[in-house]
Amino acid sequence: MKKLFTLLFVAVAMSIVACGPSAEEKTKMEAEAKAKMDSLFNAASQSMTTALDSAAPVAPAEPVAPAAPAEEAHH
């Protein structure tokens, strides 16, 4: 009986493994994933370049002279 259960377990395990995608399907899925990642990277890179180009360089501000102390009103 133990041999029968072992044989059935091996048969079920092999049938589950056989249900996975073929090598051709795996290659296709990897190529699609790489294309999507490249597309996202290019979009992010382009948006960063656009953001950096649109940011105008800011000239250093001139130092502001301290304000003279306000005169106190005497009563």
PDB file of N, CA and C in Angstrom:
ATOM      1  N   MET A   1       0.821  -1.187   0.000  1.00  0.00           N
ATOM      2  CA  MET A   1       0.000   0.000   0.000  1.00  0.00           C
ATOM      3  C   MET A   1       0.871   1.259   0.000  1.00  0.00           C
ATOM      4  N   LYS A   2       1.988   1.209   0.749  1.00  0.00           N
ATOM      5  CA  LYS A   2       2.887   2.352   0.828  1.00  0.00           C
ATOM      6  C   LYS A   2       3.474   2.665  -0.555  1.00  0.00           C
ATOM      7  N   LYS A   3       3.792   1.642  -1.323  1.00  0.00           N
ATOM      8  CA  LYS A   3       4.336   1.849  -2.672  1.00  0.00           C
ATOM      9  C   LYS A   3       3.299   2.476  -3.585  1.00  0.00           C
ATOM     10  N   LEU A   4       2.041   2.099  -3.417  1.00  0.00           N
ATOM     11  CA  LEU A   4       0.971   2.667  -4.235  1.00  0.00           C
ATOM     12  C   LEU A   4       0.817   4.168  -3.970  1.00  0.00           C
ATOM     13  N   PHE A   5       0.825   4.554  -2.684  1.00  0.00           N
ATOM     14  CA  PHE A   5       0.711   5.976  -2.343  1.00  0.00           C
ATOM     15  C   PHE A   5       1.919   6.773  -2.840  1.00  0.00           C
ATOM     16  N   THR A   6       3.094   6.181  -2.754  1.00  0.00           N
ATOM     17  CA  THR A   6       4.305   6.839  -3.258  1.00  0.00           C
ATOM     18  C   THR A   6       4.205   7.041  -4.760  1.00  0.00           C
ATOM     19  N   LEU A   7       3.751   6.015  -5.466  1.00  0.00           N
ATOM     20  CA  LEU A   7       3.604   6.105  -6.914  1.00  0.00           C
ATOM     21  C   LEU A   7       2.574   7.178  -7.290  1.00  0.00           C
ATOM     22  N   LEU A   8       1.452   7.208  -6.586  1.00  0.00           N
ATOM     23  CA  LEU A   8       0.425   8.233  -6.846  1.00  0.00           C
ATOM     24  C   LEU A   8       0.949   9.648  -6.543  1.00  0.00           C
ATOM     25  N   PHE A   9       1.693   9.772  -5.441  1.00  0.00           N
ATOM     26  CA  PHE A   9       2.258  11.081  -5.082  1.00  0.00           C
ATOM     27  C   PHE A   9       3.211  11.580  -6.163  1.00  0.00           C
ATOM     28  N   VAL A  10       4.069  10.694  -6.644  1.00  0.00           N
ATOM     29  CA  VAL A  10       5.015  11.068  -7.699  1.00  0.00           C
ATOM     30  C   VAL A  10       4.266  11.443  -8.977  1.00  0.00           C
ATOM     31  N   ALA A  11       3.235  10.682  -9.318  1.00  0.00           N
ATOM     32  CA  ALA A  11       2.456  10.976 -10.525  1.00  0.00           C
ATOM     33  C   ALA A  11       1.764  12.330 -10.419  1.00  0.00           C
ATOM     34  N   VAL A  12       1.178  12.624  -9.263  1.00  0.00           N
ATOM     35  CA  VAL A  12       0.504  13.920  -9.054  1.00  0.00           C
ATOM     36  C   VAL A  12       1.529  15.049  -9.093  1.00  0.00           C
ATOM     37  N   ALA A  13       2.655  14.886  -8.449  1.00  0.00           N
ATOM     38  CA  ALA A  13       3.697  15.911  -8.431  1.00  0.00           C
ATOM     39  C   ALA A  13       4.192  16.208  -9.843  1.00  0.00           C
ATOM     40  N   MET A  14       4.392  15.177 -10.638  1.00  0.00           N
ATOM     41  CA  MET A  14       4.874  15.386 -12.006  1.00  0.00           C
ATOM     42  C   MET A  14       3.808  16.050 -12.867  1.00  0.00           C
ATOM     43  N   SER A  15       2.555  15.731 -12.633  1.00  0.00           N
ATOM     44  CA  SER A  15       1.500  16.368 -13.436  1.00  0.00           C
ATOM     45  C   SER A  15       1.358  17.844 -13.079  1.00  0.00           C
ATOM     46  N   ILE A  16       1.576  18.180 -11.816  1.00  0.00           N
ATOM     47  CA  ILE A  16       1.520  19.598 -11.426  1.00  0.00           C
ATOM     48  C   ILE A  16       2.675  20.367 -12.053  1.00  0.00           C
ATOM     49  N   VAL A  17       3.858  19.797 -12.042  1.00  0.00           N
ATOM     50  CA  VAL A  17       5.026  20.443 -12.641  1.00  0.00           C
ATOM     51  C   VAL A  17       4.833  20.607 -14.146  1.00  0.00           C
ATOM     52  N   ALA A  18       4.197  19.648 -14.768  1.00  0.00           N
ATOM     53  CA  ALA A  18       3.999  19.691 -16.216  1.00  0.00           C
ATOM     54  C   ALA A  18       3.009  20.781 -16.628  1.00  0.00           C
ATOM     55  N   CYS A  19       2.220  21.298 -15.692  1.00  0.00           N
ATOM     56  CA  CYS A  19       1.222  22.326 -16.015  1.00  0.00           C
ATOM     57  C   CYS A  19       1.844  23.717 -16.157  1.00  0.00           C
ATOM     58  N   GLY A  20       3.099  23.890 -15.808  1.00  0.00           N
ATOM     59  CA  GLY A  20       3.749  25.201 -15.880  1.00  0.00           C
ATOM     60  C   GLY A  20       3.948  25.647 -17.316  1.00  0.00           C
ATOM     61  N   PRO A  21       4.339  26.901 -17.496  1.00  0.00           N
ATOM     62  CA  PRO A  21       4.556  27.415 -18.847  1.00  0.00           C
ATOM     63  C   PRO A  21       5.764  26.766 -19.513  1.00  0.00           C
ATOM     64  N   SER A  22       5.709  26.689 -20.823  1.00  0.00           N
ATOM     65  CA  SER A  22       6.815  26.089 -21.569  1.00  0.00           C
ATOM     66  C   SER A  22       7.976  27.081 -21.632  1.00  0.00           C
ATOM     67  N   ALA A  23       9.116  26.624 -22.102  1.00  0.00           N
ATOM     68  CA  ALA A  23      10.291  27.493 -22.198  1.00  0.00           C
ATOM     69  C   ALA A  23      10.026  28.658 -23.143  1.00  0.00           C
ATOM     70  N   GLU A  24       9.281  28.400 -24.212  1.00  0.00           N
ATOM     71  CA  GLU A  24       8.951  29.467 -25.156  1.00  0.00           C
ATOM     72  C   GLU A  24       8.060  30.524 -24.499  1.00  0.00           C
ATOM     73  N   GLU A  25       7.085  30.063 -23.709  1.00  0.00           N
ATOM     74  CA  GLU A  25       6.200  30.999 -23.013  1.00  0.00           C
ATOM     75  C   GLU A  25       6.965  31.805 -21.963  1.00  0.00           C
ATOM     76  N   LYS A  26       7.904  31.150 -21.262  1.00  0.00           N
ATOM     77  CA  LYS A  26       8.720  31.850 -20.268  1.00  0.00           C
ATOM     78  C   LYS A  26       9.549  32.938 -20.930  1.00  0.00           C
ATOM     79  N   THR A  27      10.158  32.616 -22.076  1.00  0.00           N
ATOM     80  CA  THR A  27      10.974  33.584 -22.801  1.00  0.00           C
ATOM     81  C   THR A  27      10.131  34.770 -23.241  1.00  0.00           C
ATOM     82  N   LYS A  28       8.930  34.493 -23.717  1.00  0.00           N
ATOM     83  CA  LYS A  28       8.027  35.553 -24.155  1.00  0.00           C
ATOM     84  C   LYS A  28       7.635  36.448 -22.977  1.00  0.00           C
ATOM     85  N   MET A  29       7.313  35.841 -21.830  1.00  0.00           N
ATOM     86  CA  MET A  29       6.929  36.620 -20.650  1.00  0.00           C
ATOM     87  C   MET A  29       8.092  37.474 -20.158  1.00  0.00           C
ATOM     88  N   GLU A  30       9.312  36.928 -20.187  1.00  0.00           N
ATOM     89  CA  GLU A  30      10.478  37.702 -19.769  1.00  0.00           C
ATOM     90  C   GLU A  30      10.718  38.878 -20.704  1.00  0.00           C
ATOM     91  N   ALA A  31      10.548  38.678 -22.007  1.00  0.00           N
ATOM     92  CA  ALA A  31      10.736  39.759 -22.978  1.00  0.00           C
ATOM     93  C   ALA A  31       9.698  40.857 -22.771  1.00  0.00           C
ATOM     94  N   GLU A  32       8.441  40.462 -22.493  1.00  0.00           N
ATOM     95  CA  GLU A  32       7.396  41.453 -22.245  1.00  0.00           C
ATOM     96  C   GLU A  32       7.687  42.240 -20.969  1.00  0.00           C
ATOM     97  N   ALA A  33       8.135  41.560 -19.931  1.00  0.00           N
ATOM     98  CA  ALA A  33       8.460  42.234 -18.672  1.00  0.00           C
ATOM     99  C   ALA A  33       9.612  43.211 -18.868  1.00  0.00           C
ATOM    100  N   LYS A  34      10.633  42.803 -19.632  1.00  0.00           N
ATOM    101  CA  LYS A  34      11.773  43.686 -19.889  1.00  0.00           C
ATOM    102  C   LYS A  34      11.340  44.905 -20.690  1.00  0.00           C
ATOM    103  N   ALA A  35      10.458  44.713 -21.671  1.00  0.00           N
ATOM    104  CA  ALA A  35       9.968  45.838 -22.471  1.00  0.00           C
ATOM    105  C   ALA A  35       9.186  46.823 -21.604  1.00  0.00           C
ATOM    106  N   LYS A  36       8.372  46.302 -20.685  1.00  0.00           N
ATOM    107  CA  LYS A  36       7.612  47.179 -19.792  1.00  0.00           C
ATOM    108  C   LYS A  36       8.540  47.955 -18.868  1.00  0.00           C
ATOM    109  N   MET A  37       9.546  47.275 -18.322  1.00  0.00           N
ATOM    110  CA  MET A  37      10.489  47.959 -17.431  1.00  0.00           C
ATOM    111  C   MET A  37      11.279  49.022 -18.181  1.00  0.00           C
ATOM    112  N   ASP A  38      11.699  48.735 -19.398  1.00  0.00           N
ATOM    113  CA  ASP A  38      12.415  49.722 -20.204  1.00  0.00           C
ATOM    114  C   ASP A  38      11.528  50.929 -20.491  1.00  0.00           C
ATOM    115  N   SER A  39      10.258  50.668 -20.790  1.00  0.00           N
ATOM    116  CA  SER A  39       9.322  51.741 -21.065  1.00  0.00           C
ATOM    117  C   SER A  39       9.134  52.623 -19.831  1.00  0.00           C
ATOM    118  N   LEU A  40       8.966  51.996 -18.662  1.00  0.00           N
ATOM    119  CA  LEU A  40       8.808  52.764 -17.426  1.00  0.00           C
ATOM    120  C   LEU A  40      10.067  53.566 -17.110  1.00  0.00           C
ATOM    121  N   PHE A  41      11.225  52.955 -17.300  1.00  0.00           N
ATOM    122  CA  PHE A  41      12.478  53.655 -17.035  1.00  0.00           C
ATOM    123  C   PHE A  41      12.633  54.862 -17.953  1.00  0.00           C
ATOM    124  N   ASN A  42      12.327  54.677 -19.245  1.00  0.00           N
ATOM    125  CA  ASN A  42      12.444  55.788 -20.196  1.00  0.00           C
ATOM    126  C   ASN A  42      11.473  56.907 -19.848  1.00  0.00           C
ATOM    127  N   ALA A  43      10.252  56.562 -19.446  1.00  0.00           N
ATOM    128  CA  ALA A  43       9.265  57.586 -19.075  1.00  0.00           C
ATOM    129  C   ALA A  43       9.724  58.346 -17.842  1.00  0.00           C
ATOM    130  N   ALA A  44      10.248  57.643 -16.853  1.00  0.00           N
ATOM    131  CA  ALA A  44      10.727  58.301 -15.640  1.00  0.00           C
ATOM    132  C   ALA A  44      11.933  59.184 -15.948  1.00  0.00           C
ATOM    133  N   SER A  45      12.822  58.690 -16.769  1.00  0.00           N
ATOM    134  CA  SER A  45      14.005  59.461 -17.140  1.00  0.00           C
ATOM    135  C   SER A  45      13.617  60.730 -17.891  1.00  0.00           C
ATOM    136  N   GLN A  46      12.671  60.589 -18.806  1.00  0.00           N
ATOM    137  CA  GLN A  46      12.221  61.746 -19.582  1.00  0.00           C
ATOM    138  C   GLN A  46      11.534  62.768 -18.679  1.00  0.00           C
ATOM    139  N   SER A  47      10.724  62.319 -17.735  1.00  0.00           N
ATOM    140  CA  SER A  47      10.034  63.262 -16.857  1.00  0.00           C
ATOM    141  C   SER A  47      11.024  63.979 -15.940  1.00  0.00           C
ATOM    142  N   MET A  48      12.057  63.262 -15.493  1.00  0.00           N
ATOM    143  CA  MET A  48      13.083  63.915 -14.665  1.00  0.00           C
ATOM    144  C   MET A  48      13.848  64.948 -15.477  1.00  0.00           C
ATOM    145  N   THR A  49      14.179  64.625 -16.726  1.00  0.00           N
ATOM    146  CA  THR A  49      14.882  65.569 -17.583  1.00  0.00           C
ATOM    147  C   THR A  49      14.020  66.800 -17.832  1.00  0.00           C
ATOM    148  N   THR A  50      12.738  66.589 -18.097  1.00  0.00           N
ATOM    149  CA  THR A  50      11.823  67.696 -18.322  1.00  0.00           C
ATOM    150  C   THR A  50      11.711  68.562 -17.077  1.00  0.00           C
ATOM    151  N   ALA A  51      11.622  67.933 -15.917  1.00  0.00           N
ATOM    152  CA  ALA A  51      11.503  68.686 -14.665  1.00  0.00           C
ATOM    153  C   ALA A  51      12.761  69.498 -14.406  1.00  0.00           C
ATOM    154  N   LEU A  52      13.917  68.903 -14.666  1.00  0.00           N
ATOM    155  CA  LEU A  52      15.163  69.632 -14.435  1.00  0.00           C
ATOM    156  C   LEU A  52      15.339  70.766 -15.442  1.00  0.00           C
ATOM    157  N   ASP A  53      14.900  70.540 -16.675  1.00  0.00           N
ATOM    158  CA  ASP A  53      15.020  71.584 -17.691  1.00  0.00           C
ATOM    159  C   ASP A  53      14.079  72.744 -17.413  1.00  0.00           C
ATOM    160  N   SER A  54      12.902  72.469 -16.849  1.00  0.00           N
ATOM    161  CA  SER A  54      11.922  73.521 -16.619  1.00  0.00           C
ATOM    162  C   SER A  54      12.236  74.331 -15.372  1.00  0.00           C
ATOM    163  N   ALA A  55      13.064  73.807 -14.491  1.00  0.00           N
ATOM    164  CA  ALA A  55      13.426  74.546 -13.290  1.00  0.00           C
ATOM    165  C   ALA A  55      14.455  75.603 -13.683  1.00  0.00           C
ATOM    166  N   ALA A  56      14.053  76.847 -13.583  1.00  0.00           N
ATOM    167  CA  ALA A  56      14.951  77.949 -13.954  1.00  0.00           C
ATOM    168  C   ALA A  56      16.036  78.080 -12.890  1.00  0.00           C
ATOM    169  N   PRO A  57      17.235  78.334 -13.317  1.00  0.00           N
ATOM    170  CA  PRO A  57      18.293  78.529 -12.323  1.00  0.00           C
ATOM    171  C   PRO A  57      17.981  79.779 -11.496  1.00  0.00           C
ATOM    172  N   VAL A  58      18.132  79.656 -10.224  1.00  0.00           N
ATOM    173  CA  VAL A  58      17.813  80.759  -9.327  1.00  0.00           C
ATOM    174  C   VAL A  58      19.102  81.504  -9.016  1.00  0.00           C
ATOM    175  N   ALA A  59      19.070  82.835  -9.267  1.00  0.00           N
ATOM    176  CA  ALA A  59      20.229  83.663  -8.968  1.00  0.00           C
ATOM    177  C   ALA A  59      20.294  83.858  -7.466  1.00  0.00           C
ATOM    178  N   PRO A  60      21.481  83.910  -6.917  1.00  0.00           N
ATOM    179  CA  PRO A  60      21.583  84.113  -5.471  1.00  0.00           C
ATOM    180  C   PRO A  60      20.985  85.464  -5.097  1.00  0.00           C
ATOM    181  N   ALA A  61      20.241  85.479  -4.036  1.00  0.00           N
ATOM    182  CA  ALA A  61      19.592  86.711  -3.590  1.00  0.00           C
ATOM    183  C   ALA A  61      20.623  87.623  -2.951  1.00  0.00           C
ATOM    184  N   GLU A  62      20.404  88.909  -3.108  1.00  0.00           N
ATOM    185  CA  GLU A  62      21.301  89.870  -2.474  1.00  0.00           C
ATOM    186  C   GLU A  62      21.018  89.866  -0.981  1.00  0.00           C
ATOM    187  N   PRO A  63      22.049  90.007  -0.191  1.00  0.00           N
ATOM    188  CA  PRO A  63      21.818  90.006   1.253  1.00  0.00           C
ATOM    189  C   PRO A  63      20.958  91.216   1.646  1.00  0.00           C
ATOM    190  N   VAL A  64      20.064  90.969   2.534  1.00  0.00           N
ATOM    191  CA  VAL A  64      19.168  92.029   2.987  1.00  0.00           C
ATOM    192  C   VAL A  64      19.786  92.688   4.195  1.00  0.00           C
ATOM    193  N   ALA A  65      19.853  94.032   4.150  1.00  0.00           N
ATOM    194  CA  ALA A  65      20.414  94.781   5.275  1.00  0.00           C
ATOM    195  C   ALA A  65      19.436  94.710   6.438  1.00  0.00           C
ATOM    196  N   PRO A  66      19.959  94.560   7.633  1.00  0.00           N
ATOM    197  CA  PRO A  66      19.053  94.498   8.780  1.00  0.00           C
ATOM    198  C   PRO A  66      18.289  95.810   8.919  1.00  0.00           C
ATOM    199  N   ALA A  67      17.052  95.690   9.298  1.00  0.00           N
ATOM    200  CA  ALA A  67      16.208  96.876   9.447  1.00  0.00           C
ATOM    201  C   ALA A  67      16.659  97.662  10.664  1.00  0.00           C
ATOM    202  N   ALA A  68      16.532  98.980  10.549  1.00  0.00           N
ATOM    203  CA  ALA A  68      16.893  99.845  11.677  1.00  0.00           C
ATOM    204  C   ALA A  68      15.872  99.601  12.787  1.00  0.00           C
ATOM    205  N   PRO A  69      16.313  99.603  14.016  1.00  0.00           N
ATOM    206  CA  PRO A  69      15.372  99.388  15.116  1.00  0.00           C
ATOM    207  C   PRO A  69      14.317 100.476  15.134  1.00  0.00           C
ATOM    208  N   ALA A  70      13.115 100.059  15.334  1.00  0.00           N
ATOM    209  CA  ALA A  70      12.006 101.017  15.353  1.00  0.00           C
ATOM    210  C   ALA A  70      12.124 101.894  16.578  1.00  0.00           C
ATOM    211  N   GLU A  71      11.843 103.187  16.380  1.00  0.00           N
ATOM    212  CA  GLU A  71      11.910 104.117  17.516  1.00  0.00           C
ATOM    213  C   GLU A  71      10.681 103.919  18.366  1.00  0.00           C
ATOM    214  N   GLU A  72      10.922 103.887  19.656  1.00  0.00           N
ATOM    215  CA  GLU A  72       9.812 103.704  20.558  1.00  0.00           C
ATOM    216  C   GLU A  72       9.159 105.039  20.818  1.00  0.00           C
ATOM    217  N   ALA A  73       7.868 105.042  20.895  1.00  0.00           N
ATOM    218  CA  ALA A  73       7.136 106.283  21.175  1.00  0.00           C
ATOM    219  C   ALA A  73       7.191 106.536  22.672  1.00  0.00           C
ATOM    220  N   HIS A  74       7.573 107.773  23.024  1.00  0.00           N
ATOM    221  CA  HIS A  74       7.644 108.141  24.459  1.00  0.00           C
ATOM    222  C   HIS A  74       6.341 108.814  24.836  1.00  0.00           C
ATOM    223  N   HIS A  75       5.819 108.461  25.968  1.00  0.00           N
ATOM    224  CA  HIS A  75       4.579 109.082  26.424  1.00  0.00           C
ATOM    225  C   HIS A  75       4.822 110.124  27.394  1.00  0.00           C
TER     226      HIS A  75
END
